[in-house]
Amino acid sequence: MTIKLSEIERRVLSAIQGGFPRSQTPYQDMAEHVGISTEQFLTVLKNWKQEGKLRRVGSIVDHFKVGLSGGAMVVWRVEPQRVEQVGTILAGFREVSHAYERQTNEHWPYNLYTMVHGADGQQIGKIVERISRACGVTDYRMLTTIKELKKVPPTYIPNGASDKIKEEG
């Protein structure tokens, strides 16, 4: 499927695929880089959202850089009728960066997944115990992070086109 983009949309896409600037006004900064007003920039994103071209705008946090060198995927076995309630509780913990449901199978009964962050494995263990008490679920497994893989945003416009757009802006 090919989606046609206007020149302004191409420039907006080029700007956002490079990541958000570290500033108090990231949308304004990107709009200025693209050469349009912040209002126009946000309108493009809103239109993409309405058209289904954009699902969400999110961040990729490097937990190691913010002092959280420990991490564990914790999988929880929750009764189907409690999934939404427990998921809301799990997502409410500031140490949890992800909370989502997955299908089970005969070899893997765990249906709620969370990514829990802390300073080290011992702290994570205490956090998970606290979370377990709060949600009333004791059937869980901690899958400790062994190696952090490089996280990079997707690229939709190749570097050559992106560089050209930057020169024009």
N, C-alpha and C. Protein backbone atom coordinates (compact mmCIF):
# COMPACT_ATOMS: atom_id res chain seq x y z
N MET A 1 0.85 -1.17 0.00
CA MET A 1 0.00 0.00 0.00
C MET A 1 0.90 1.24 0.00
N THR A 2 0.64 2.14 -0.90
CA THR A 2 1.38 3.39 -1.00
C THR A 2 0.48 4.54 -0.57
N ILE A 3 0.99 5.35 0.33
CA ILE A 3 0.26 6.52 0.80
C ILE A 3 0.95 7.74 0.22
N LYS A 4 0.20 8.55 -0.47
CA LYS A 4 0.76 9.78 -1.04
C LYS A 4 0.77 10.86 0.03
N LEU A 5 1.91 11.53 0.12
CA LEU A 5 2.07 12.61 1.08
C LEU A 5 2.35 13.90 0.34
N SER A 6 1.78 14.97 0.86
CA SER A 6 2.11 16.30 0.31
C SER A 6 3.54 16.64 0.74
N GLU A 7 4.09 17.68 0.17
CA GLU A 7 5.45 18.10 0.53
C GLU A 7 5.53 18.48 2.01
N ILE A 8 4.51 19.16 2.53
CA ILE A 8 4.50 19.51 3.96
C ILE A 8 4.44 18.25 4.81
N GLU A 9 3.60 17.28 4.42
CA GLU A 9 3.50 16.04 5.18
C GLU A 9 4.84 15.30 5.17
N ARG A 10 5.53 15.29 4.04
CA ARG A 10 6.85 14.64 3.97
C ARG A 10 7.83 15.31 4.94
N ARG A 11 7.79 16.62 5.01
CA ARG A 11 8.69 17.34 5.90
C ARG A 11 8.34 17.08 7.37
N VAL A 12 7.04 17.01 7.67
CA VAL A 12 6.61 16.70 9.04
C VAL A 12 7.07 15.29 9.42
N LEU A 13 6.86 14.33 8.51
CA LEU A 13 7.27 12.95 8.78
C LEU A 13 8.78 12.87 8.98
N SER A 14 9.51 13.57 8.15
CA SER A 14 10.97 13.59 8.28
C SER A 14 11.37 14.13 9.65
N ALA A 15 10.70 15.16 10.11
CA ALA A 15 11.03 15.76 11.41
C ALA A 15 10.72 14.82 12.56
N ILE A 16 9.55 14.18 12.56
CA ILE A 16 9.18 13.35 13.71
C ILE A 16 9.91 12.02 13.72
N GLN A 17 10.31 11.50 12.56
CA GLN A 17 10.99 10.21 12.56
C GLN A 17 12.39 10.31 13.17
N GLY A 18 12.93 11.52 13.23
CA GLY A 18 14.25 11.72 13.83
C GLY A 18 14.21 11.82 15.34
N GLY A 19 13.04 11.79 15.92
CA GLY A 19 12.90 11.91 17.37
C GLY A 19 12.61 13.33 17.79
N PHE A 20 12.04 13.46 18.94
CA PHE A 20 11.67 14.77 19.46
C PHE A 20 12.89 15.48 20.02
N PRO A 21 12.99 16.78 19.79
CA PRO A 21 14.09 17.53 20.39
C PRO A 21 13.90 17.60 21.91
N ARG A 22 15.00 17.66 22.61
CA ARG A 22 14.95 17.78 24.07
C ARG A 22 14.79 19.25 24.41
N SER A 23 13.55 19.66 24.51
CA SER A 23 13.27 21.07 24.80
C SER A 23 11.90 21.17 25.45
N GLN A 24 11.58 22.36 25.90
CA GLN A 24 10.27 22.62 26.50
C GLN A 24 9.19 22.75 25.43
N THR A 25 9.59 22.97 24.17
CA THR A 25 8.64 23.22 23.08
C THR A 25 8.97 22.36 21.86
N PRO A 26 8.90 21.03 21.99
CA PRO A 26 9.33 20.17 20.88
C PRO A 26 8.51 20.35 19.60
N TYR A 27 7.20 20.52 19.71
CA TYR A 27 6.38 20.70 18.50
C TYR A 27 6.71 22.02 17.80
N GLN A 28 6.88 23.04 18.59
CA GLN A 28 7.25 24.34 18.03
C GLN A 28 8.61 24.25 17.33
N ASP A 29 9.56 23.59 17.98
CA ASP A 29 10.90 23.46 17.40
C ASP A 29 10.86 22.69 16.08
N MET A 30 10.11 21.60 16.05
CA MET A 30 10.02 20.81 14.82
C MET A 30 9.30 21.59 13.72
N ALA A 31 8.25 22.31 14.09
CA ALA A 31 7.52 23.12 13.11
C ALA A 31 8.45 24.17 12.50
N GLU A 32 9.24 24.82 13.34
CA GLU A 32 10.18 25.82 12.83
C GLU A 32 11.19 25.17 11.88
N HIS A 33 11.66 23.98 12.24
CA HIS A 33 12.61 23.25 11.39
C HIS A 33 11.99 22.92 10.03
N VAL A 34 10.72 22.55 10.05
CA VAL A 34 9.99 22.20 8.83
C VAL A 34 9.65 23.45 8.03
N GLY A 35 9.52 24.59 8.72
CA GLY A 35 9.19 25.84 8.03
C GLY A 35 7.72 26.14 8.00
N ILE A 36 6.98 25.64 9.00
CA ILE A 36 5.55 25.91 9.09
C ILE A 36 5.23 26.33 10.53
N SER A 37 4.00 26.77 10.75
CA SER A 37 3.61 27.16 12.11
C SER A 37 3.36 25.91 12.96
N THR A 38 3.44 26.08 14.26
CA THR A 38 3.16 24.98 15.18
C THR A 38 1.73 24.47 14.97
N GLU A 39 0.80 25.39 14.74
CA GLU A 39 -0.60 25.01 14.49
C GLU A 39 -0.71 24.12 13.25
N GLN A 40 -0.01 24.47 12.18
CA GLN A 40 -0.04 23.66 10.96
C GLN A 40 0.57 22.28 11.23
N PHE A 41 1.67 22.26 11.96
CA PHE A 41 2.35 21.01 12.29
C PHE A 41 1.41 20.08 13.05
N LEU A 42 0.76 20.62 14.07
CA LEU A 42 -0.17 19.82 14.88
C LEU A 42 -1.40 19.40 14.08
N THR A 43 -1.84 20.23 13.15
CA THR A 43 -2.97 19.88 12.30
C THR A 43 -2.65 18.67 11.44
N VAL A 44 -1.44 18.62 10.90
CA VAL A 44 -1.02 17.45 10.11
C VAL A 44 -1.11 16.19 10.97
N LEU A 45 -0.58 16.26 12.20
CA LEU A 45 -0.61 15.08 13.08
C LEU A 45 -2.05 14.70 13.44
N LYS A 46 -2.90 15.68 13.72
CA LYS A 46 -4.31 15.40 14.04
C LYS A 46 -5.02 14.76 12.86
N ASN A 47 -4.76 15.27 11.66
CA ASN A 47 -5.37 14.68 10.45
C ASN A 47 -4.91 13.24 10.26
N TRP A 48 -3.63 12.99 10.45
CA TRP A 48 -3.12 11.63 10.32
C TRP A 48 -3.80 10.70 11.33
N LYS A 49 -4.01 11.19 12.53
CA LYS A 49 -4.68 10.40 13.57
C LYS A 49 -6.11 10.07 13.13
N GLN A 50 -6.85 11.06 12.64
CA GLN A 50 -8.23 10.85 12.18
C GLN A 50 -8.30 9.91 10.98
N GLU A 51 -7.29 9.98 10.10
CA GLU A 51 -7.27 9.15 8.89
C GLU A 51 -6.70 7.76 9.14
N GLY A 52 -6.23 7.51 10.35
CA GLY A 52 -5.67 6.21 10.67
C GLY A 52 -4.23 6.02 10.23
N LYS A 53 -3.59 7.09 9.78
CA LYS A 53 -2.18 7.01 9.37
C LYS A 53 -1.25 7.02 10.58
N LEU A 54 -1.72 7.53 11.69
CA LEU A 54 -0.94 7.65 12.90
C LEU A 54 -1.77 7.10 14.05
N ARG A 55 -1.20 6.15 14.77
CA ARG A 55 -1.91 5.60 15.92
C ARG A 55 -1.65 6.41 17.17
N ARG A 56 -0.36 6.68 17.42
CA ARG A 56 -0.01 7.41 18.63
C ARG A 56 1.38 7.99 18.48
N VAL A 57 1.69 8.93 19.33
CA VAL A 57 3.02 9.49 19.45
C VAL A 57 3.51 9.09 20.82
N GLY A 58 4.66 8.44 20.87
CA GLY A 58 5.18 7.97 22.14
C GLY A 58 6.67 8.22 22.24
N SER A 59 7.20 7.95 23.42
CA SER A 59 8.62 8.16 23.62
C SER A 59 9.32 6.83 23.88
N ILE A 60 10.59 6.81 23.59
CA ILE A 60 11.43 5.66 23.90
C ILE A 60 12.39 6.14 24.99
N VAL A 61 12.21 5.62 26.19
CA VAL A 61 13.02 6.05 27.32
C VAL A 61 14.19 5.09 27.50
N ASP A 62 15.37 5.64 27.63
CA ASP A 62 16.55 4.84 27.95
C ASP A 62 16.63 4.76 29.47
N HIS A 63 16.13 3.66 30.03
CA HIS A 63 16.04 3.52 31.48
C HIS A 63 17.41 3.54 32.15
N PHE A 64 18.44 3.10 31.43
CA PHE A 64 19.78 3.13 32.00
C PHE A 64 20.24 4.57 32.23
N LYS A 65 19.91 5.47 31.29
CA LYS A 65 20.34 6.86 31.41
C LYS A 65 19.62 7.61 32.53
N VAL A 66 18.45 7.12 32.94
CA VAL A 66 17.74 7.77 34.04
C VAL A 66 17.97 7.05 35.38
N GLY A 67 18.98 6.17 35.41
CA GLY A 67 19.39 5.53 36.66
C GLY A 67 18.64 4.27 37.02
N LEU A 68 17.90 3.70 36.10
CA LEU A 68 17.18 2.47 36.38
C LEU A 68 17.83 1.33 35.59
N SER A 69 18.92 0.79 36.14
CA SER A 69 19.67 -0.22 35.39
C SER A 69 19.09 -1.61 35.50
N GLY A 70 18.12 -1.79 36.38
CA GLY A 70 17.47 -3.09 36.50
C GLY A 70 16.13 -3.10 35.81
N GLY A 71 15.80 -4.23 35.21
CA GLY A 71 14.51 -4.36 34.55
C GLY A 71 14.07 -5.81 34.50
N ALA A 72 12.78 -6.02 34.53
CA ALA A 72 12.24 -7.37 34.43
C ALA A 72 10.87 -7.32 33.77
N MET A 73 10.65 -8.24 32.85
CA MET A 73 9.31 -8.45 32.32
C MET A 73 8.64 -9.37 33.34
N VAL A 74 7.54 -8.92 33.87
CA VAL A 74 6.80 -9.74 34.83
C VAL A 74 5.50 -10.16 34.17
N VAL A 75 5.30 -11.48 34.14
CA VAL A 75 4.10 -12.03 33.51
C VAL A 75 3.18 -12.52 34.62
N TRP A 76 1.90 -12.23 34.47
CA TRP A 76 0.91 -12.49 35.51
C TRP A 76 -0.19 -13.39 34.97
N ARG A 77 -0.61 -14.35 35.78
CA ARG A 77 -1.75 -15.21 35.42
C ARG A 77 -2.97 -14.67 36.15
N VAL A 78 -3.87 -14.08 35.36
CA VAL A 78 -5.03 -13.39 35.92
C VAL A 78 -6.31 -13.98 35.33
N GLU A 79 -7.32 -14.18 36.17
CA GLU A 79 -8.60 -14.68 35.70
C GLU A 79 -9.16 -13.71 34.66
N PRO A 80 -9.72 -14.24 33.56
CA PRO A 80 -10.21 -13.37 32.48
C PRO A 80 -11.15 -12.26 32.95
N GLN A 81 -12.01 -12.52 33.90
CA GLN A 81 -12.96 -11.51 34.36
C GLN A 81 -12.28 -10.41 35.17
N ARG A 82 -11.01 -10.59 35.58
CA ARG A 82 -10.29 -9.58 36.36
C ARG A 82 -9.20 -8.86 35.57
N VAL A 83 -9.01 -9.23 34.31
CA VAL A 83 -7.90 -8.69 33.52
C VAL A 83 -7.91 -7.16 33.48
N GLU A 84 -9.05 -6.57 33.19
CA GLU A 84 -9.12 -5.11 33.07
C GLU A 84 -8.83 -4.44 34.41
N GLN A 85 -9.42 -4.94 35.47
CA GLN A 85 -9.22 -4.37 36.81
C GLN A 85 -7.76 -4.48 37.22
N VAL A 86 -7.18 -5.67 37.08
CA VAL A 86 -5.78 -5.88 37.48
C VAL A 86 -4.84 -5.09 36.58
N GLY A 87 -5.13 -5.06 35.29
CA GLY A 87 -4.30 -4.30 34.35
C GLY A 87 -4.23 -2.83 34.73
N THR A 88 -5.35 -2.28 35.16
CA THR A 88 -5.39 -0.88 35.58
C THR A 88 -4.52 -0.67 36.82
N ILE A 89 -4.59 -1.60 37.75
CA ILE A 89 -3.75 -1.50 38.96
C ILE A 89 -2.27 -1.58 38.58
N LEU A 90 -1.92 -2.56 37.74
CA LEU A 90 -0.52 -2.73 37.34
C LEU A 90 0.01 -1.47 36.65
N ALA A 91 -0.78 -0.92 35.74
CA ALA A 91 -0.36 0.26 34.98
C ALA A 91 -0.24 1.49 35.87
N GLY A 92 -0.85 1.46 37.05
CA GLY A 92 -0.81 2.61 37.95
C GLY A 92 0.49 2.76 38.72
N PHE A 93 1.35 1.77 38.68
CA PHE A 93 2.62 1.86 39.39
C PHE A 93 3.63 2.61 38.55
N ARG A 94 4.30 3.59 39.15
CA ARG A 94 5.25 4.41 38.39
C ARG A 94 6.44 3.59 37.91
N GLU A 95 6.74 2.47 38.54
CA GLU A 95 7.85 1.62 38.13
C GLU A 95 7.51 0.75 36.93
N VAL A 96 6.24 0.76 36.52
CA VAL A 96 5.78 -0.05 35.39
C VAL A 96 5.71 0.83 34.14
N SER A 97 6.49 0.46 33.12
CA SER A 97 6.47 1.25 31.89
C SER A 97 5.54 0.66 30.84
N HIS A 98 5.23 -0.61 30.94
CA HIS A 98 4.33 -1.26 29.98
C HIS A 98 3.40 -2.19 30.76
N ALA A 99 2.15 -2.23 30.36
CA ALA A 99 1.19 -3.18 30.94
C ALA A 99 0.21 -3.54 29.83
N TYR A 100 0.19 -4.80 29.45
CA TYR A 100 -0.69 -5.20 28.35
C TYR A 100 -1.08 -6.66 28.46
N GLU A 101 -2.15 -7.00 27.77
CA GLU A 101 -2.69 -8.36 27.77
C GLU A 101 -2.19 -9.12 26.56
N ARG A 102 -1.97 -10.42 26.75
CA ARG A 102 -1.57 -11.31 25.66
C ARG A 102 -2.38 -12.60 25.77
N GLN A 103 -2.53 -13.26 24.64
CA GLN A 103 -3.22 -14.54 24.61
C GLN A 103 -2.39 -15.60 25.34
N THR A 104 -3.07 -16.54 25.97
CA THR A 104 -2.39 -17.66 26.61
C THR A 104 -2.44 -18.86 25.67
N ASN A 105 -1.71 -19.91 26.03
CA ASN A 105 -1.83 -21.19 25.32
C ASN A 105 -1.59 -22.30 26.32
N GLU A 106 -1.67 -23.51 25.89
CA GLU A 106 -1.59 -24.64 26.82
C GLU A 106 -0.23 -24.72 27.52
N HIS A 107 0.80 -24.13 26.95
CA HIS A 107 2.13 -24.19 27.54
C HIS A 107 2.52 -22.91 28.29
N TRP A 108 1.69 -21.87 28.18
CA TRP A 108 2.02 -20.59 28.80
C TRP A 108 0.73 -19.92 29.28
N PRO A 109 0.42 -20.01 30.58
CA PRO A 109 -0.86 -19.51 31.10
C PRO A 109 -0.89 -18.03 31.45
N TYR A 110 0.19 -17.31 31.24
CA TYR A 110 0.29 -15.92 31.69
C TYR A 110 -0.31 -14.98 30.65
N ASN A 111 -1.23 -14.12 31.10
CA ASN A 111 -1.97 -13.28 30.16
C ASN A 111 -1.78 -11.78 30.35
N LEU A 112 -1.18 -11.33 31.44
CA LEU A 112 -0.87 -9.91 31.62
C LEU A 112 0.64 -9.76 31.74
N TYR A 113 1.16 -8.76 31.04
CA TYR A 113 2.60 -8.53 31.00
C TYR A 113 2.89 -7.11 31.47
N THR A 114 3.94 -6.98 32.27
CA THR A 114 4.38 -5.66 32.69
C THR A 114 5.90 -5.59 32.58
N MET A 115 6.40 -4.42 32.28
CA MET A 115 7.84 -4.18 32.34
C MET A 115 8.07 -3.34 33.56
N VAL A 116 8.85 -3.88 34.51
CA VAL A 116 9.09 -3.22 35.79
C VAL A 116 10.55 -2.78 35.84
N HIS A 117 10.78 -1.54 36.26
CA HIS A 117 12.13 -0.98 36.31
C HIS A 117 12.50 -0.58 37.72
N GLY A 118 13.77 -0.74 38.05
CA GLY A 118 14.31 -0.33 39.33
C GLY A 118 15.82 -0.21 39.26
N ALA A 119 16.43 0.11 40.38
CA ALA A 119 17.87 0.31 40.41
C ALA A 119 18.63 -1.00 40.21
N ASP A 120 18.07 -2.09 40.73
CA ASP A 120 18.74 -3.39 40.60
C ASP A 120 17.71 -4.51 40.81
N GLY A 121 18.15 -5.74 40.67
CA GLY A 121 17.26 -6.89 40.78
C GLY A 121 16.58 -7.01 42.14
N GLN A 122 17.30 -6.68 43.19
CA GLN A 122 16.72 -6.76 44.54
C GLN A 122 15.57 -5.77 44.69
N GLN A 123 15.78 -4.54 44.21
CA GLN A 123 14.72 -3.54 44.29
C GLN A 123 13.52 -3.96 43.45
N ILE A 124 13.77 -4.50 42.28
CA ILE A 124 12.67 -4.95 41.42
C ILE A 124 11.87 -6.04 42.11
N GLY A 125 12.54 -6.97 42.79
CA GLY A 125 11.84 -8.02 43.52
C GLY A 125 10.89 -7.45 44.57
N LYS A 126 11.34 -6.43 45.28
CA LYS A 126 10.49 -5.79 46.29
C LYS A 126 9.31 -5.06 45.64
N ILE A 127 9.57 -4.41 44.51
CA ILE A 127 8.50 -3.71 43.80
C ILE A 127 7.44 -4.71 43.34
N VAL A 128 7.88 -5.83 42.78
CA VAL A 128 6.95 -6.84 42.27
C VAL A 128 6.12 -7.43 43.42
N GLU A 129 6.74 -7.65 44.56
CA GLU A 129 5.99 -8.14 45.73
C GLU A 129 4.91 -7.13 46.13
N ARG A 130 5.26 -5.85 46.12
CA ARG A 130 4.29 -4.78 46.45
C ARG A 130 3.15 -4.76 45.44
N ILE A 131 3.49 -4.89 44.16
CA ILE A 131 2.47 -4.90 43.11
C ILE A 131 1.56 -6.12 43.28
N SER A 132 2.16 -7.27 43.58
CA SER A 132 1.38 -8.51 43.77
C SER A 132 0.36 -8.35 44.89
N ARG A 133 0.79 -7.77 45.99
CA ARG A 133 -0.14 -7.54 47.12
C ARG A 133 -1.26 -6.58 46.71
N ALA A 134 -0.90 -5.54 45.96
CA ALA A 134 -1.88 -4.52 45.58
C ALA A 134 -2.96 -5.07 44.66
N CYS A 135 -2.59 -5.97 43.76
CA CYS A 135 -3.58 -6.47 42.80
C CYS A 135 -4.14 -7.83 43.18
N GLY A 136 -3.57 -8.46 44.22
CA GLY A 136 -4.08 -9.75 44.68
C GLY A 136 -3.76 -10.90 43.73
N VAL A 137 -2.69 -10.80 42.97
CA VAL A 137 -2.29 -11.87 42.06
C VAL A 137 -0.94 -12.39 42.53
N THR A 138 -0.90 -13.70 42.83
CA THR A 138 0.34 -14.30 43.32
C THR A 138 0.99 -15.24 42.31
N ASP A 139 0.28 -15.54 41.22
CA ASP A 139 0.84 -16.41 40.19
C ASP A 139 1.49 -15.55 39.12
N TYR A 140 2.80 -15.38 39.24
CA TYR A 140 3.56 -14.55 38.29
C TYR A 140 4.98 -15.09 38.15
N ARG A 141 5.65 -14.63 37.10
CA ARG A 141 7.06 -14.95 36.88
C ARG A 141 7.79 -13.67 36.52
N MET A 142 9.00 -13.55 37.05
CA MET A 142 9.86 -12.42 36.69
C MET A 142 10.88 -12.90 35.67
N LEU A 143 10.89 -12.26 34.52
CA LEU A 143 11.84 -12.58 33.47
C LEU A 143 12.84 -11.42 33.42
N THR A 144 13.98 -11.60 34.04
CA THR A 144 14.95 -10.53 34.23
C THR A 144 15.64 -10.15 32.93
N THR A 145 15.82 -8.87 32.73
CA THR A 145 16.54 -8.36 31.57
C THR A 145 18.01 -8.73 31.69
N ILE A 146 18.53 -9.39 30.66
CA ILE A 146 19.94 -9.77 30.64
C ILE A 146 20.74 -8.74 29.84
N LYS A 147 20.15 -8.30 28.72
CA LYS A 147 20.84 -7.35 27.85
C LYS A 147 19.81 -6.41 27.26
N GLU A 148 20.11 -5.12 27.32
CA GLU A 148 19.24 -4.11 26.73
C GLU A 148 19.59 -3.99 25.25
N LEU A 149 18.60 -4.19 24.40
CA LEU A 149 18.81 -4.07 22.97
C LEU A 149 18.65 -2.63 22.55
N LYS A 150 19.29 -2.28 21.46
CA LYS A 150 19.21 -0.91 20.96
C LYS A 150 17.80 -0.62 20.49
N LYS A 151 17.24 0.49 20.95
CA LYS A 151 15.90 0.90 20.56
C LYS A 151 16.03 2.06 19.59
N VAL A 152 15.44 1.93 18.44
CA VAL A 152 15.49 3.00 17.46
C VAL A 152 14.11 3.23 16.87
N PRO A 153 13.78 4.48 16.57
CA PRO A 153 12.48 4.75 15.95
C PRO A 153 12.48 4.28 14.50
N PRO A 154 11.32 3.96 13.95
CA PRO A 154 11.26 3.54 12.55
C PRO A 154 11.61 4.69 11.61
N THR A 155 12.13 4.34 10.44
CA THR A 155 12.47 5.33 9.42
C THR A 155 11.54 5.11 8.23
N TYR A 156 10.82 6.15 7.85
CA TYR A 156 9.87 6.07 6.74
C TYR A 156 10.38 6.80 5.50
N ILE A 157 11.22 7.79 5.74
CA ILE A 157 11.80 8.54 4.63
C ILE A 157 13.30 8.29 4.70
N PRO A 158 13.90 7.71 3.65
CA PRO A 158 15.34 7.41 3.69
C PRO A 158 16.19 8.64 3.96
N ASN A 159 17.38 8.42 4.47
CA ASN A 159 18.27 9.52 4.85
C ASN A 159 18.45 10.56 3.76
N GLY A 160 18.64 10.13 2.53
CA GLY A 160 18.84 11.10 1.45
C GLY A 160 17.69 12.08 1.36
N ALA A 161 16.45 11.56 1.39
CA ALA A 161 15.28 12.44 1.30
C ALA A 161 15.17 13.30 2.55
N SER A 162 15.50 12.71 3.70
CA SER A 162 15.42 13.45 4.96
C SER A 162 16.44 14.58 4.97
N ASP A 163 17.68 14.30 4.49
CA ASP A 163 18.70 15.33 4.44
C ASP A 163 18.29 16.45 3.51
N LYS A 164 17.70 16.08 2.37
CA LYS A 164 17.28 17.09 1.41
C LYS A 164 16.23 18.01 2.02
N ILE A 165 15.29 17.40 2.77
CA ILE A 165 14.24 18.18 3.39
C ILE A 165 14.84 19.13 4.42
N LYS A 166 15.83 18.66 5.19
CA LYS A 166 16.47 19.51 6.20
C LYS A 166 17.15 20.71 5.55
N GLU A 167 17.73 20.49 4.37
CA GLU A 167 18.39 21.59 3.68
C GLU A 167 17.38 22.64 3.23
N GLU A 168 16.18 22.17 2.85
CA GLU A 168 15.15 23.10 2.37
C GLU A 168 14.56 23.91 3.51
N GLY A 169 14.46 23.31 4.74
CA GLY A 169 13.79 23.93 5.88
C GLY A 169 14.57 25.02 6.41
